[in-house]
């Protein structure tokens, strides 16, 4: 098995897709990058963050993918749980990897201590204090024994919002989020649905908790103002819906799909865009990454691979979900995209 890499220049089909349109305006903008695993989402996200910072925008870049590679992209450890400064840029750039699985383990561990009070402390630290206040000490860790799909995404996105909504980070005008592969990405867009699915599980615990008078009072208040758990969850769901509305706000948010020129990747990208469109998430750009240039040698592999890629790109142009997106064609390059200089190089190729 061998690897062939080439250096080329990206072709932007639609001039409106140029970086100039993304960098205009001081107001905060969110850019989510997602797609099939292994297509180069992290490199694209990191290079976009570097590009923003080099153009005067204080920027935060966060990975919510459990299989992180943002640390590798920046060549520094970003897994410590705090935003880490990245040096060598014109404006501040902070980066972080959020590990939902580790956070979930900490959540479970906290539940076993101090009769549940540690759960509330942990949730406050995770930016989920509202959830703790709503449900009190309902032994929520029991939910994690058989967690519903979406819990890890809920924790990850809550952590993101904890950081970006903090007053100390109010100056940051660009937020770039390297999302998990397609299936995970779609789940975090359905947080209210996740909470709906959890109501039944909460109700099962209600009988077990009936004798916990003090805990019930902390959730339901005075007897004459008694309110059932589902009602409280509905209030919480409404608040989480407001978070989801952020992702649907075309004035502040854009989801960029990243793919490679292969039939499987293009088909998955088409399904992803259909799902995002159903969720009313604004999508304007599609990056087609790792494109081989025309072969200048007698390499049969190169020629065959190039033909396959061109067929995949033709699929994109004829696909009803993808054809109207602004297509950015990015080449396969002959260097490892690692460290700020390499990310600047990639940014100048992709985000032009």
C-alpha atoms as a PDB file:
ATOM      1  CA  UNK A   1       0.000   0.000   0.000  1.00  0.00           C
ATOM      2  CA  UNK A   2       1.352   3.456  -0.810  1.00  0.00           C
ATOM      3  CA  UNK A   3       0.304   7.060  -0.422  1.00  0.00           C
ATOM      4  CA  UNK A   4       0.337   9.706  -3.105  1.00  0.00           C
ATOM      5  CA  UNK A   5       0.025  13.369  -2.229  1.00  0.00           C
ATOM      6  CA  UNK A   6       0.193  16.385  -4.469  1.00  0.00           C
ATOM      7  CA  UNK A   7       0.223  20.134  -4.101  1.00  0.00           C
ATOM      8  CA  UNK A   8      -2.346  22.085  -6.023  1.00  0.00           C
ATOM      9  CA  UNK A   9      -4.633  25.099  -5.731  1.00  0.00           C
ATOM     10  CA  UNK A  10      -8.227  24.924  -4.537  1.00  0.00           C
ATOM     11  CA  UNK A  11     -10.918  25.931  -6.969  1.00  0.00           C
ATOM     12  CA  UNK A  12     -13.906  27.825  -5.605  1.00  0.00           C
ATOM     13  CA  UNK A  13     -16.808  27.298  -7.959  1.00  0.00           C
ATOM     14  CA  UNK A  14     -18.963  30.105  -6.582  1.00  0.00           C
ATOM     15  CA  UNK A  15     -17.193  33.453  -5.988  1.00  0.00           C
ATOM     16  CA  UNK A  16     -19.746  34.210  -3.261  1.00  0.00           C
ATOM     17  CA  UNK A  17     -18.130  31.468  -1.180  1.00  0.00           C
ATOM     18  CA  UNK A  18     -14.956  33.463  -0.688  1.00  0.00           C
ATOM     19  CA  UNK A  19     -13.582  34.063   2.778  1.00  0.00           C
ATOM     20  CA  UNK A  20     -14.230  37.803   2.530  1.00  0.00           C
ATOM     21  CA  UNK A  21     -17.911  37.151   3.107  1.00  0.00           C
ATOM     22  CA  UNK A  22     -17.192  35.135   6.270  1.00  0.00           C
ATOM     23  CA  UNK A  23     -14.880  37.679   7.879  1.00  0.00           C
ATOM     24  CA  UNK A  24     -17.115  40.737   7.489  1.00  0.00           C
ATOM     25  CA  UNK A  25     -18.732  42.166  10.597  1.00  0.00           C
ATOM     26  CA  UNK A  26     -17.703  42.327  14.254  1.00  0.00           C
ATOM     27  CA  UNK A  27     -20.761  40.475  15.590  1.00  0.00           C
ATOM     28  CA  UNK A  28     -20.292  36.966  16.933  1.00  0.00           C
ATOM     29  CA  UNK A  29     -20.622  34.178  14.368  1.00  0.00           C
ATOM     30  CA  UNK A  30     -20.703  30.411  14.898  1.00  0.00           C
ATOM     31  CA  UNK A  31     -19.294  27.987  12.322  1.00  0.00           C
ATOM     32  CA  UNK A  32     -19.958  24.268  12.731  1.00  0.00           C
ATOM     33  CA  UNK A  33     -17.975  21.878  10.535  1.00  0.00           C
ATOM     34  CA  UNK A  34     -19.252  18.355  10.129  1.00  0.00           C
ATOM     35  CA  UNK A  35     -19.460  15.339   7.897  1.00  0.00           C
ATOM     36  CA  UNK A  36     -18.341  11.754   7.551  1.00  0.00           C
ATOM     37  CA  UNK A  37     -15.429  10.593   9.691  1.00  0.00           C
ATOM     38  CA  UNK A  38     -11.999  10.829   8.104  1.00  0.00           C
ATOM     39  CA  UNK A  39     -12.752  13.595   5.581  1.00  0.00           C
ATOM     40  CA  UNK A  40     -10.587  16.267   7.210  1.00  0.00           C
ATOM     41  CA  UNK A  41     -13.135  18.169   9.322  1.00  0.00           C
ATOM     42  CA  UNK A  42     -10.624  18.967  12.053  1.00  0.00           C
ATOM     43  CA  UNK A  43      -7.997  20.351   9.678  1.00  0.00           C
ATOM     44  CA  UNK A  44     -10.629  22.476   7.956  1.00  0.00           C
ATOM     45  CA  UNK A  45     -11.984  23.727  11.292  1.00  0.00           C
ATOM     46  CA  UNK A  46      -8.549  24.492  12.708  1.00  0.00           C
ATOM     47  CA  UNK A  47      -7.423  26.253   9.532  1.00  0.00           C
ATOM     48  CA  UNK A  48     -10.623  28.355   9.524  1.00  0.00           C
ATOM     49  CA  UNK A  49     -10.022  29.371  13.148  1.00  0.00           C
ATOM     50  CA  UNK A  50      -6.430  30.348  12.328  1.00  0.00           C
ATOM     51  CA  UNK A  51      -7.633  32.311   9.309  1.00  0.00           C
ATOM     52  CA  UNK A  52     -10.184  34.229  11.392  1.00  0.00           C
ATOM     53  CA  UNK A  53      -7.589  35.057  14.033  1.00  0.00           C
ATOM     54  CA  UNK A  54      -5.109  36.219  11.405  1.00  0.00           C
ATOM     55  CA  UNK A  55      -7.810  38.530  10.007  1.00  0.00           C
ATOM     56  CA  UNK A  56      -8.392  40.280  13.323  1.00  0.00           C
ATOM     57  CA  UNK A  57     -11.166  38.180  14.872  1.00  0.00           C
ATOM     58  CA  UNK A  58     -10.593  36.854  18.402  1.00  0.00           C
ATOM     59  CA  UNK A  59     -11.580  33.239  17.882  1.00  0.00           C
ATOM     60  CA  UNK A  60     -12.440  30.106  19.845  1.00  0.00           C
ATOM     61  CA  UNK A  61     -12.186  26.653  18.261  1.00  0.00           C
ATOM     62  CA  UNK A  62     -13.637  23.646  20.092  1.00  0.00           C
ATOM     63  CA  UNK A  63     -13.841  19.962  19.183  1.00  0.00           C
ATOM     64  CA  UNK A  64     -16.829  17.935  20.413  1.00  0.00           C
ATOM     65  CA  UNK A  65     -15.730  14.801  18.585  1.00  0.00           C
ATOM     66  CA  UNK A  66     -14.975  11.942  21.042  1.00  0.00           C
ATOM     67  CA  UNK A  67     -12.198  10.847  18.640  1.00  0.00           C
ATOM     68  CA  UNK A  68     -10.259  14.089  18.934  1.00  0.00           C
ATOM     69  CA  UNK A  69      -7.468  15.276  16.650  1.00  0.00           C
ATOM     70  CA  UNK A  70      -7.548  19.019  17.361  1.00  0.00           C
ATOM     71  CA  UNK A  71      -4.507  18.641  19.632  1.00  0.00           C
ATOM     72  CA  UNK A  72      -2.671  16.988  16.758  1.00  0.00           C
ATOM     73  CA  UNK A  73      -3.677  19.775  14.390  1.00  0.00           C
ATOM     74  CA  UNK A  74      -2.250  22.481  16.668  1.00  0.00           C
ATOM     75  CA  UNK A  75       0.622  20.320  17.937  1.00  0.00           C
ATOM     76  CA  UNK A  76      -0.232  21.069  21.568  1.00  0.00           C
ATOM     77  CA  UNK A  77      -2.282  19.493  24.348  1.00  0.00           C
ATOM     78  CA  UNK A  78      -5.866  20.785  24.288  1.00  0.00           C
ATOM     79  CA  UNK A  79      -7.478  18.050  26.375  1.00  0.00           C
ATOM     80  CA  UNK A  80      -7.073  19.589  29.830  1.00  0.00           C
ATOM     81  CA  UNK A  81     -10.620  20.890  30.109  1.00  0.00           C
ATOM     82  CA  UNK A  82      -9.742  24.578  29.722  1.00  0.00           C
ATOM     83  CA  UNK A  83      -9.371  26.841  26.711  1.00  0.00           C
ATOM     84  CA  UNK A  84      -5.719  26.976  25.674  1.00  0.00           C
ATOM     85  CA  UNK A  85      -4.113  29.987  23.923  1.00  0.00           C
ATOM     86  CA  UNK A  86      -2.581  29.349  20.506  1.00  0.00           C
ATOM     87  CA  UNK A  87       0.423  31.535  19.740  1.00  0.00           C
ATOM     88  CA  UNK A  88       1.658  33.130  16.539  1.00  0.00           C
ATOM     89  CA  UNK A  89      -1.484  34.895  15.330  1.00  0.00           C
ATOM     90  CA  UNK A  90      -2.664  38.477  14.917  1.00  0.00           C
ATOM     91  CA  UNK A  91      -5.640  38.064  17.271  1.00  0.00           C
ATOM     92  CA  UNK A  92      -6.282  35.745  20.226  1.00  0.00           C
ATOM     93  CA  UNK A  93      -7.123  32.148  19.378  1.00  0.00           C
ATOM     94  CA  UNK A  94      -8.225  29.725  22.097  1.00  0.00           C
ATOM     95  CA  UNK A  95      -8.669  25.994  21.509  1.00  0.00           C
ATOM     96  CA  UNK A  96     -10.133  23.073  23.454  1.00  0.00           C
ATOM     97  CA  UNK A  97     -11.081  19.429  23.080  1.00  0.00           C
ATOM     98  CA  UNK A  98     -14.203  18.391  24.984  1.00  0.00           C
ATOM     99  CA  UNK A  99     -14.412  14.692  25.804  1.00  0.00           C
ATOM    100  CA  UNK A 100     -18.110  13.820  26.318  1.00  0.00           C
ATOM    101  CA  UNK A 101     -17.319  10.266  27.419  1.00  0.00           C
ATOM    102  CA  UNK A 102     -14.915  11.467  30.118  1.00  0.00           C
ATOM    103  CA  UNK A 103     -17.406  14.063  31.297  1.00  0.00           C
ATOM    104  CA  UNK A 104     -20.084  11.383  31.508  1.00  0.00           C
ATOM    105  CA  UNK A 105     -17.773   9.162  33.590  1.00  0.00           C
ATOM    106  CA  UNK A 106     -17.102  12.063  35.947  1.00  0.00           C
ATOM    107  CA  UNK A 107     -20.844  12.616  36.187  1.00  0.00           C
ATOM    108  CA  UNK A 108     -21.405   8.979  37.161  1.00  0.00           C
ATOM    109  CA  UNK A 109     -18.588   9.073  39.693  1.00  0.00           C
ATOM    110  CA  UNK A 110     -19.910  12.275  41.236  1.00  0.00           C
ATOM    111  CA  UNK A 111     -23.305  10.680  41.769  1.00  0.00           C
ATOM    112  CA  UNK A 112     -21.784   8.073  44.078  1.00  0.00           C
ATOM    113  CA  UNK A 113     -20.461  10.701  46.480  1.00  0.00           C
ATOM    114  CA  UNK A 114     -22.110  12.825  49.130  1.00  0.00           C
ATOM    115  CA  UNK A 115     -25.609  11.484  48.591  1.00  0.00           C
ATOM    116  CA  UNK A 116     -25.992  13.214  45.253  1.00  0.00           C
ATOM    117  CA  UNK A 117     -24.749  16.692  46.249  1.00  0.00           C
ATOM    118  CA  UNK A 118     -21.638  16.132  44.138  1.00  0.00           C
ATOM    119  CA  UNK A 119     -23.880  15.683  41.126  1.00  0.00           C
ATOM    120  CA  UNK A 120     -25.228  19.182  41.568  1.00  0.00           C
ATOM    121  CA  UNK A 121     -21.713  20.587  42.014  1.00  0.00           C
ATOM    122  CA  UNK A 122     -20.519  18.779  38.911  1.00  0.00           C
ATOM    123  CA  UNK A 123     -23.497  19.975  36.880  1.00  0.00           C
ATOM    124  CA  UNK A 124     -22.833  23.560  37.939  1.00  0.00           C
ATOM    125  CA  UNK A 125     -19.234  23.187  36.766  1.00  0.00           C
ATOM    126  CA  UNK A 126     -20.497  21.785  33.467  1.00  0.00           C
ATOM    127  CA  UNK A 127     -22.767  24.758  32.912  1.00  0.00           C
ATOM    128  CA  UNK A 128     -25.801  22.589  33.700  1.00  0.00           C
ATOM    129  CA  UNK A 129     -26.725  24.281  36.955  1.00  0.00           C
ATOM    130  CA  UNK A 130     -30.178  25.020  35.577  1.00  0.00           C
ATOM    131  CA  UNK A 131     -30.785  21.296  35.222  1.00  0.00           C
ATOM    132  CA  UNK A 132     -29.622  20.693  38.785  1.00  0.00           C
ATOM    133  CA  UNK A 133     -31.896  23.417  40.129  1.00  0.00           C
ATOM    134  CA  UNK A 134     -34.879  22.073  38.193  1.00  0.00           C
ATOM    135  CA  UNK A 135     -34.523  18.453  39.273  1.00  0.00           C
ATOM    136  CA  UNK A 136     -32.717  18.757  42.593  1.00  0.00           C
ATOM    137  CA  UNK A 137     -31.141  15.562  43.902  1.00  0.00           C
ATOM    138  CA  UNK A 138     -33.173  13.140  41.800  1.00  0.00           C
ATOM    139  CA  UNK A 139     -30.193  10.785  41.562  1.00  0.00           C
ATOM    140  CA  UNK A 140     -29.768  11.668  37.911  1.00  0.00           C
ATOM    141  CA  UNK A 141     -26.704   9.458  37.727  1.00  0.00           C
ATOM    142  CA  UNK A 142     -29.089   6.499  37.529  1.00  0.00           C
ATOM    143  CA  UNK A 143     -30.076   7.767  34.097  1.00  0.00           C
ATOM    144  CA  UNK A 144     -26.513   7.214  33.001  1.00  0.00           C
ATOM    145  CA  UNK A 145     -26.599   3.498  33.747  1.00  0.00           C
ATOM    146  CA  UNK A 146     -28.577   3.126  30.512  1.00  0.00           C
ATOM    147  CA  UNK A 147     -28.068   6.546  28.888  1.00  0.00           C
ATOM    148  CA  UNK A 148     -30.334   7.681  26.109  1.00  0.00           C
ATOM    149  CA  UNK A 149     -28.727   8.578  22.771  1.00  0.00           C
ATOM    150  CA  UNK A 150     -27.753  12.209  22.778  1.00  0.00           C
ATOM    151  CA  UNK A 151     -26.576  12.498  26.381  1.00  0.00           C
ATOM    152  CA  UNK A 152     -22.909  12.818  25.445  1.00  0.00           C
ATOM    153  CA  UNK A 153     -23.759  15.462  22.840  1.00  0.00           C
ATOM    154  CA  UNK A 154     -25.894  17.301  25.407  1.00  0.00           C
ATOM    155  CA  UNK A 155     -22.978  17.442  27.829  1.00  0.00           C
ATOM    156  CA  UNK A 156     -20.526  18.513  25.116  1.00  0.00           C
ATOM    157  CA  UNK A 157     -22.696  21.314  23.770  1.00  0.00           C
ATOM    158  CA  UNK A 158     -23.527  22.474  27.294  1.00  0.00           C
ATOM    159  CA  UNK A 159     -19.806  22.730  27.950  1.00  0.00           C
ATOM    160  CA  UNK A 160     -19.350  24.741  24.750  1.00  0.00           C
ATOM    161  CA  UNK A 161     -22.097  27.142  25.774  1.00  0.00           C
ATOM    162  CA  UNK A 162     -20.597  27.448  29.253  1.00  0.00           C
ATOM    163  CA  UNK A 163     -17.398  28.791  27.738  1.00  0.00           C
ATOM    164  CA  UNK A 164     -18.730  31.009  24.981  1.00  0.00           C
ATOM    165  CA  UNK A 165     -21.389  32.623  27.182  1.00  0.00           C
ATOM    166  CA  UNK A 166     -18.901  33.475  29.923  1.00  0.00           C
ATOM    167  CA  UNK A 167     -18.306  37.253  30.242  1.00  0.00           C
ATOM    168  CA  UNK A 168     -14.554  36.740  30.039  1.00  0.00           C
ATOM    169  CA  UNK A 169     -14.950  35.403  26.498  1.00  0.00           C
ATOM    170  CA  UNK A 170     -17.428  38.001  25.275  1.00  0.00           C
ATOM    171  CA  UNK A 171     -14.736  39.628  23.101  1.00  0.00           C
ATOM    172  CA  UNK A 172     -14.438  36.528  20.909  1.00  0.00           C
ATOM    173  CA  UNK A 173     -16.330  37.189  17.680  1.00  0.00           C
ATOM    174  CA  UNK A 174     -15.829  33.855  15.883  1.00  0.00           C
ATOM    175  CA  UNK A 175     -16.626  30.435  17.339  1.00  0.00           C
ATOM    176  CA  UNK A 176     -15.566  27.405  15.260  1.00  0.00           C
ATOM    177  CA  UNK A 177     -16.826  23.975  16.333  1.00  0.00           C
ATOM    178  CA  UNK A 178     -15.353  20.752  14.990  1.00  0.00           C
ATOM    179  CA  UNK A 179     -18.285  18.372  15.400  1.00  0.00           C
ATOM    180  CA  UNK A 180     -18.429  14.617  15.754  1.00  0.00           C
ATOM    181  CA  UNK A 181     -19.227  12.453  12.711  1.00  0.00           C
ATOM    182  CA  UNK A 182     -22.617  12.814  11.070  1.00  0.00           C
ATOM    183  CA  UNK A 183     -24.778  10.686  13.388  1.00  0.00           C
ATOM    184  CA  UNK A 184     -23.519  12.397  16.539  1.00  0.00           C
ATOM    185  CA  UNK A 185     -23.952  15.821  14.973  1.00  0.00           C
ATOM    186  CA  UNK A 186     -27.608  15.231  14.222  1.00  0.00           C
ATOM    187  CA  UNK A 187     -28.321  14.015  17.754  1.00  0.00           C
ATOM    188  CA  UNK A 188     -27.200  17.208  19.434  1.00  0.00           C
ATOM    189  CA  UNK A 189     -29.626  19.119  17.216  1.00  0.00           C
ATOM    190  CA  UNK A 190     -32.425  17.106  18.823  1.00  0.00           C
ATOM    191  CA  UNK A 191     -31.771  17.892  22.490  1.00  0.00           C
ATOM    192  CA  UNK A 192     -35.434  18.672  23.255  1.00  0.00           C
ATOM    193  CA  UNK A 193     -36.372  15.302  21.771  1.00  0.00           C
ATOM    194  CA  UNK A 194     -33.710  13.695  23.963  1.00  0.00           C
ATOM    195  CA  UNK A 195     -35.293  15.299  27.025  1.00  0.00           C
ATOM    196  CA  UNK A 196     -38.725  14.077  25.943  1.00  0.00           C
ATOM    197  CA  UNK A 197     -37.373  10.539  25.798  1.00  0.00           C
ATOM    198  CA  UNK A 198     -35.999  10.952  29.301  1.00  0.00           C
ATOM    199  CA  UNK A 199     -39.334  11.964  30.845  1.00  0.00           C
ATOM    200  CA  UNK A 200     -40.515   8.365  30.920  1.00  0.00           C
ATOM    201  CA  UNK A 201     -37.367   7.288  32.709  1.00  0.00           C
ATOM    202  CA  UNK A 202     -37.749  10.095  35.228  1.00  0.00           C
ATOM    203  CA  UNK A 203     -41.324   8.967  35.890  1.00  0.00           C
ATOM    204  CA  UNK A 204     -40.123   5.441  36.673  1.00  0.00           C
ATOM    205  CA  UNK A 205     -37.868   6.886  39.316  1.00  0.00           C
ATOM    206  CA  UNK A 206     -40.656   8.999  40.761  1.00  0.00           C
ATOM    207  CA  UNK A 207     -42.069   6.152  42.865  1.00  0.00           C
ATOM    208  CA  UNK A 208     -38.624   5.268  44.177  1.00  0.00           C
ATOM    209  CA  UNK A 209     -38.129   8.876  45.225  1.00  0.00           C
ATOM    210  CA  UNK A 210     -41.558   9.385  46.797  1.00  0.00           C
ATOM    211  CA  UNK A 211     -40.143   8.918  50.303  1.00  0.00           C
ATOM    212  CA  UNK A 212     -37.366  11.453  49.739  1.00  0.00           C
ATOM    213  CA  UNK A 213     -39.439  14.325  51.103  1.00  0.00           C
ATOM    214  CA  UNK A 214     -36.705  16.907  51.297  1.00  0.00           C
ATOM    215  CA  UNK A 215     -35.537  16.204  47.768  1.00  0.00           C
ATOM    216  CA  UNK A 216     -39.084  16.403  46.434  1.00  0.00           C
ATOM    217  CA  UNK A 217     -39.673  19.719  48.203  1.00  0.00           C
ATOM    218  CA  UNK A 218     -36.488  21.133  46.736  1.00  0.00           C
ATOM    219  CA  UNK A 219     -37.854  20.393  43.267  1.00  0.00           C
ATOM    220  CA  UNK A 220     -41.590  20.955  43.718  1.00  0.00           C
ATOM    221  CA  UNK A 221     -41.612  23.765  46.260  1.00  0.00           C
ATOM    222  CA  UNK A 222     -44.531  24.241  48.632  1.00  0.00           C
ATOM    223  CA  UNK A 223     -47.366  21.732  48.568  1.00  0.00           C
ATOM    224  CA  UNK A 224     -49.932  24.229  47.290  1.00  0.00           C
ATOM    225  CA  UNK A 225     -47.589  25.088  44.435  1.00  0.00           C
ATOM    226  CA  UNK A 226     -46.797  21.489  43.711  1.00  0.00           C
ATOM    227  CA  UNK A 227     -45.628  20.891  40.167  1.00  0.00           C
ATOM    228  CA  UNK A 228     -44.984  17.522  38.562  1.00  0.00           C
ATOM    229  CA  UNK A 229     -41.592  16.487  37.245  1.00  0.00           C
ATOM    230  CA  UNK A 230     -42.791  16.370  33.610  1.00  0.00           C
ATOM    231  CA  UNK A 231     -43.828  20.028  33.881  1.00  0.00           C
ATOM    232  CA  UNK A 232     -40.399  20.942  35.175  1.00  0.00           C
ATOM    233  CA  UNK A 233     -38.801  18.962  32.362  1.00  0.00           C
ATOM    234  CA  UNK A 234     -40.984  20.789  29.882  1.00  0.00           C
ATOM    235  CA  UNK A 235     -39.648  24.087  31.187  1.00  0.00           C
ATOM    236  CA  UNK A 236     -36.134  22.751  30.814  1.00  0.00           C
ATOM    237  CA  UNK A 237     -36.912  21.524  27.326  1.00  0.00           C
ATOM    238  CA  UNK A 238     -38.105  24.985  26.349  1.00  0.00           C
ATOM    239  CA  UNK A 239     -34.865  26.498  27.569  1.00  0.00           C
ATOM    240  CA  UNK A 240     -32.825  23.942  25.631  1.00  0.00           C
ATOM    241  CA  UNK A 241     -34.920  24.737  22.571  1.00  0.00           C
ATOM    242  CA  UNK A 242     -33.599  28.279  22.796  1.00  0.00           C
ATOM    243  CA  UNK A 243     -30.089  26.854  22.582  1.00  0.00           C
ATOM    244  CA  UNK A 244     -31.077  24.869  19.505  1.00  0.00           C
ATOM    245  CA  UNK A 245     -32.534  28.027  18.003  1.00  0.00           C
ATOM    246  CA  UNK A 246     -29.030  29.459  18.002  1.00  0.00           C
ATOM    247  CA  UNK A 247     -28.014  26.748  15.539  1.00  0.00           C
ATOM    248  CA  UNK A 248     -30.954  27.713  13.335  1.00  0.00           C
ATOM    249  CA  UNK A 249     -30.190  31.433  13.318  1.00  0.00           C
ATOM    250  CA  UNK A 250     -28.999  32.242   9.810  1.00  0.00           C
ATOM    251  CA  UNK A 251     -27.677  35.610  10.999  1.00  0.00           C
ATOM    252  CA  UNK A 252     -25.214  34.098  13.449  1.00  0.00           C
ATOM    253  CA  UNK A 253     -24.689  30.470  12.484  1.00  0.00           C
ATOM    254  CA  UNK A 254     -23.490  28.454   9.503  1.00  0.00           C
ATOM    255  CA  UNK A 255     -22.913  24.734   9.178  1.00  0.00           C
ATOM    256  CA  UNK A 256     -20.164  23.801   6.707  1.00  0.00           C
ATOM    257  CA  UNK A 257     -20.253  20.249   5.357  1.00  0.00           C
ATOM    258  CA  UNK A 258     -16.882  18.623   4.682  1.00  0.00           C
ATOM    259  CA  UNK A 259     -16.620  15.622   2.380  1.00  0.00           C
ATOM    260  CA  UNK A 260     -14.205  13.835   0.069  1.00  0.00           C
ATOM    261  CA  UNK A 261     -14.802  12.908  -3.579  1.00  0.00           C
ATOM    262  CA  UNK A 262     -16.040   9.353  -3.088  1.00  0.00           C
ATOM    263  CA  UNK A 263     -19.473   7.886  -3.697  1.00  0.00           C
ATOM    264  CA  UNK A 264     -19.990   6.850  -0.066  1.00  0.00           C
ATOM    265  CA  UNK A 265     -18.926  10.228   1.317  1.00  0.00           C
ATOM    266  CA  UNK A 266     -21.064  12.158  -1.158  1.00  0.00           C
ATOM    267  CA  UNK A 267     -24.123  10.043  -0.361  1.00  0.00           C
ATOM    268  CA  UNK A 268     -23.644  10.600   3.376  1.00  0.00           C
ATOM    269  CA  UNK A 269     -23.163  14.333   2.808  1.00  0.00           C
ATOM    270  CA  UNK A 270     -26.420  14.435   0.878  1.00  0.00           C
ATOM    271  CA  UNK A 271     -28.258  12.745   3.745  1.00  0.00           C
ATOM    272  CA  UNK A 272     -26.609  15.092   6.247  1.00  0.00           C
ATOM    273  CA  UNK A 273     -27.719  18.162   4.324  1.00  0.00           C
ATOM    274  CA  UNK A 274     -31.260  16.810   4.075  1.00  0.00           C
ATOM    275  CA  UNK A 275     -31.352  16.325   7.847  1.00  0.00           C
ATOM    276  CA  UNK A 276     -29.866  19.757   8.539  1.00  0.00           C
ATOM    277  CA  UNK A 277     -32.352  21.348   6.174  1.00  0.00           C
ATOM    278  CA  UNK A 278     -35.163  19.549   8.019  1.00  0.00           C
ATOM    279  CA  UNK A 279     -33.831  21.011  11.275  1.00  0.00           C
ATOM    280  CA  UNK A 280     -33.638  24.466   9.605  1.00  0.00           C
ATOM    281  CA  UNK A 281     -29.872  24.705  10.146  1.00  0.00           C
ATOM    282  CA  UNK A 282     -28.311  27.116   7.613  1.00  0.00           C
ATOM    283  CA  UNK A 283     -25.841  25.426   5.239  1.00  0.00           C
ATOM    284  CA  UNK A 284     -24.175  27.362   2.432  1.00  0.00           C
ATOM    285  CA  UNK A 285     -20.807  25.711   1.780  1.00  0.00           C
ATOM    286  CA  UNK A 286     -19.556  22.253   0.921  1.00  0.00           C
ATOM    287  CA  UNK A 287     -15.836  21.520   1.081  1.00  0.00           C
ATOM    288  CA  UNK A 288     -14.751  18.693  -1.207  1.00  0.00           C
ATOM    289  CA  UNK A 289     -11.404  17.759   0.319  1.00  0.00           C
ATOM    290  CA  UNK A 290      -8.371  15.741  -0.811  1.00  0.00           C
ATOM    291  CA  UNK A 291      -8.823  16.112  -4.569  1.00  0.00           C
ATOM    292  CA  UNK A 292      -6.082  14.756  -6.828  1.00  0.00           C
ATOM    293  CA  UNK A 293      -4.983  16.949  -9.754  1.00  0.00           C
ATOM    294  CA  UNK A 294      -4.728  15.584 -13.300  1.00  0.00           C
ATOM    295  CA  UNK A 295      -1.850  13.147 -13.468  1.00  0.00           C
ATOM    296  CA  UNK A 296       1.268  14.313 -15.321  1.00  0.00           C
ATOM    297  CA  UNK A 297       2.891  10.885 -15.230  1.00  0.00           C
ATOM    298  CA  UNK A 298       2.098   7.349 -16.322  1.00  0.00           C
ATOM    299  CA  UNK A 299       0.700   6.505 -12.868  1.00  0.00           C
ATOM    300  CA  UNK A 300      -2.316   4.305 -13.596  1.00  0.00           C
ATOM    301  CA  UNK A 301      -3.435   4.494  -9.971  1.00  0.00           C
ATOM    302  CA  UNK A 302      -3.446   8.306 -10.113  1.00  0.00           C
ATOM    303  CA  UNK A 303      -5.410   8.349 -13.339  1.00  0.00           C
ATOM    304  CA  UNK A 304      -7.968   5.822 -12.113  1.00  0.00           C
ATOM    305  CA  UNK A 305      -8.375   7.550  -8.754  1.00  0.00           C
ATOM    306  CA  UNK A 306      -8.769  10.926 -10.438  1.00  0.00           C
ATOM    307  CA  UNK A 307     -11.545   9.557 -12.673  1.00  0.00           C
ATOM    308  CA  UNK A 308     -13.354   8.147  -9.650  1.00  0.00           C
ATOM    309  CA  UNK A 309     -13.107  11.492  -7.889  1.00  0.00           C
ATOM    310  CA  UNK A 310     -14.396  13.380 -10.907  1.00  0.00           C
ATOM    311  CA  UNK A 311     -17.408  11.061 -11.035  1.00  0.00           C
ATOM    312  CA  UNK A 312     -18.066  11.777  -7.359  1.00  0.00           C
ATOM    313  CA  UNK A 313     -17.825  15.536  -7.970  1.00  0.00           C
ATOM    314  CA  UNK A 314     -20.261  15.168 -10.854  1.00  0.00           C
ATOM    315  CA  UNK A 315     -22.602  13.404  -8.421  1.00  0.00           C
ATOM    316  CA  UNK A 316     -22.422  16.472  -6.181  1.00  0.00           C
ATOM    317  CA  UNK A 317     -23.301  18.775  -9.066  1.00  0.00           C
ATOM    318  CA  UNK A 318     -26.328  16.630  -9.901  1.00  0.00           C
ATOM    319  CA  UNK A 319     -27.437  15.924  -6.342  1.00  0.00           C
ATOM    320  CA  UNK A 320     -30.602  17.861  -5.411  1.00  0.00           C
ATOM    321  CA  UNK A 321     -29.356  18.306  -1.822  1.00  0.00           C
ATOM    322  CA  UNK A 322     -25.830  19.461  -2.657  1.00  0.00           C
ATOM    323  CA  UNK A 323     -25.935  21.100  -6.078  1.00  0.00           C
ATOM    324  CA  UNK A 324     -27.037  24.495  -4.781  1.00  0.00           C
ATOM    325  CA  UNK A 325     -24.344  24.747  -2.116  1.00  0.00           C
ATOM    326  CA  UNK A 326     -21.220  26.797  -2.714  1.00  0.00           C
ATOM    327  CA  UNK A 327     -18.628  24.173  -3.540  1.00  0.00           C
ATOM    328  CA  UNK A 328     -15.021  24.588  -2.387  1.00  0.00           C
ATOM    329  CA  UNK A 329     -12.651  22.107  -4.012  1.00  0.00           C
ATOM    330  CA  UNK A 330      -9.560  21.537  -1.858  1.00  0.00           C
ATOM    331  CA  UNK A 331      -6.514  19.527  -2.929  1.00  0.00           C
ATOM    332  CA  UNK A 332      -4.674  16.668  -1.319  1.00  0.00           C
ATOM    333  CA  UNK A 333      -1.424  18.281  -0.180  1.00  0.00           C
ATOM    334  CA  UNK A 334       2.081  16.917   0.201  1.00  0.00           C
ATOM    335  CA  UNK A 335       2.585  17.874   3.836  1.00  0.00           C
ATOM    336  CA  UNK A 336       1.079  16.965   7.186  1.00  0.00           C
ATOM    337  CA  UNK A 337      -1.329  19.656   8.363  1.00  0.00           C
ATOM    338  CA  UNK A 338       0.058  20.048  11.869  1.00  0.00           C
ATOM    339  CA  UNK A 339       0.955  23.267  13.652  1.00  0.00           C
ATOM    340  CA  UNK A 340       0.041  26.889  12.981  1.00  0.00           C
ATOM    341  CA  UNK A 341       2.272  27.350   9.871  1.00  0.00           C
ATOM    342  CA  UNK A 342       0.734  24.301   8.182  1.00  0.00           C
ATOM    343  CA  UNK A 343      -2.761  25.435   9.172  1.00  0.00           C
ATOM    344  CA  UNK A 344      -2.071  28.862   7.682  1.00  0.00           C
ATOM    345  CA  UNK A 345      -0.967  27.119   4.495  1.00  0.00           C
ATOM    346  CA  UNK A 346      -4.158  25.077   4.369  1.00  0.00           C
ATOM    347  CA  UNK A 347      -6.281  28.102   5.226  1.00  0.00           C
ATOM    348  CA  UNK A 348      -4.827  30.044   2.307  1.00  0.00           C
ATOM    349  CA  UNK A 349      -5.768  27.150   0.026  1.00  0.00           C
ATOM    350  CA  UNK A 350      -9.260  26.371   1.300  1.00  0.00           C
ATOM    351  CA  UNK A 351     -10.555  29.661   2.696  1.00  0.00           C
ATOM    352  CA  UNK A 352      -9.753  32.088  -0.136  1.00  0.00           C
END
